[in-house]
Amino acid sequence: MRVHVEPETCIGCELCPSICPDLFQMGEDGIARAIIEHVPGELQDCANEAAQSCPVEAIKIT
């Protein structure tokens, strides 16, 4: 499983790092970023919850 935040879509609401701080962080530009591209098994549920909670669907999981 891979995760990516589309920077042009992200509105900087900070929801993803609050849900999954081991996987997402806010950049200095106020846009969320994935800390890890390949999601380990123990963070997959967390990654899915963050993606489903994103109000603008900026988080892409493949």
Protein backbone atom coordinates (compact mmCIF):
# COMPACT_ATOMS: atom_id res chain seq x y z
CA MET A 1 0.00 0.00 0.00
CA ARG A 2 1.24 3.46 -0.95
CA VAL A 3 -0.05 6.85 0.18
CA HIS A 4 0.30 10.28 -1.37
CA VAL A 5 -1.15 13.71 -0.56
CA GLU A 6 -1.97 15.83 -3.61
CA PRO A 7 -0.54 19.24 -2.64
CA GLU A 8 -2.70 21.15 -5.13
CA THR A 9 -5.84 19.70 -3.50
CA CYS A 10 -4.87 19.83 0.19
CA ILE A 11 -6.45 22.72 2.11
CA GLY A 12 -4.24 22.32 5.18
CA CYS A 13 -7.02 21.38 7.60
CA GLU A 14 -4.52 19.27 9.65
CA LEU A 15 -6.99 16.39 9.99
CA CYS A 16 -4.71 13.68 8.55
CA PRO A 17 -1.79 14.27 10.95
CA SER A 18 -4.22 14.42 13.86
CA ILE A 19 -5.65 11.02 12.82
CA CYS A 20 -2.37 9.39 11.80
CA PRO A 21 0.67 11.34 13.06
CA ASP A 22 3.05 8.47 12.28
CA LEU A 23 2.20 8.79 8.60
CA PHE A 24 1.38 12.46 7.92
CA GLN A 25 2.85 15.82 8.87
CA MET A 26 2.20 19.42 7.93
CA GLY A 27 4.81 21.18 5.82
CA GLU A 28 5.98 24.73 6.45
CA ASP A 29 3.73 25.76 3.57
CA GLY A 30 0.67 24.52 5.50
CA ILE A 31 0.16 21.54 3.20
CA ALA A 32 0.06 17.96 4.50
CA ARG A 33 2.66 15.45 3.38
CA ALA A 34 3.08 11.72 3.79
CA ILE A 35 6.14 10.96 5.91
CA ILE A 36 6.31 7.40 4.56
CA GLU A 37 5.33 6.48 1.00
CA HIS A 38 5.00 2.72 1.58
CA VAL A 39 2.54 2.22 4.44
CA PRO A 40 3.49 -0.55 6.87
CA GLY A 41 0.78 -3.04 7.82
CA GLU A 42 0.23 -1.59 11.28
CA LEU A 43 -0.58 1.85 9.80
CA GLN A 44 -2.92 0.76 7.00
CA ASP A 45 -6.13 1.22 8.99
CA CYS A 46 -4.92 4.62 10.13
CA ALA A 47 -4.06 5.62 6.55
CA ASN A 48 -7.47 4.54 5.30
CA GLU A 49 -9.23 6.48 8.07
CA ALA A 50 -7.25 9.62 7.21
CA ALA A 51 -8.05 9.25 3.50
CA GLN A 52 -11.75 8.74 4.17
CA SER A 53 -11.81 11.71 6.55
CA CYS A 54 -10.09 14.17 4.21
CA PRO A 55 -12.72 16.80 3.33
CA VAL A 56 -11.25 17.41 -0.15
CA GLU A 57 -10.08 13.85 -0.94
CA ALA A 58 -6.45 14.93 -1.24
CA ILE A 59 -5.08 11.65 0.12
CA LYS A 60 -4.62 8.94 -2.49
CA ILE A 61 -3.99 5.31 -1.55
CA THR A 62 -2.89 2.73 -4.09
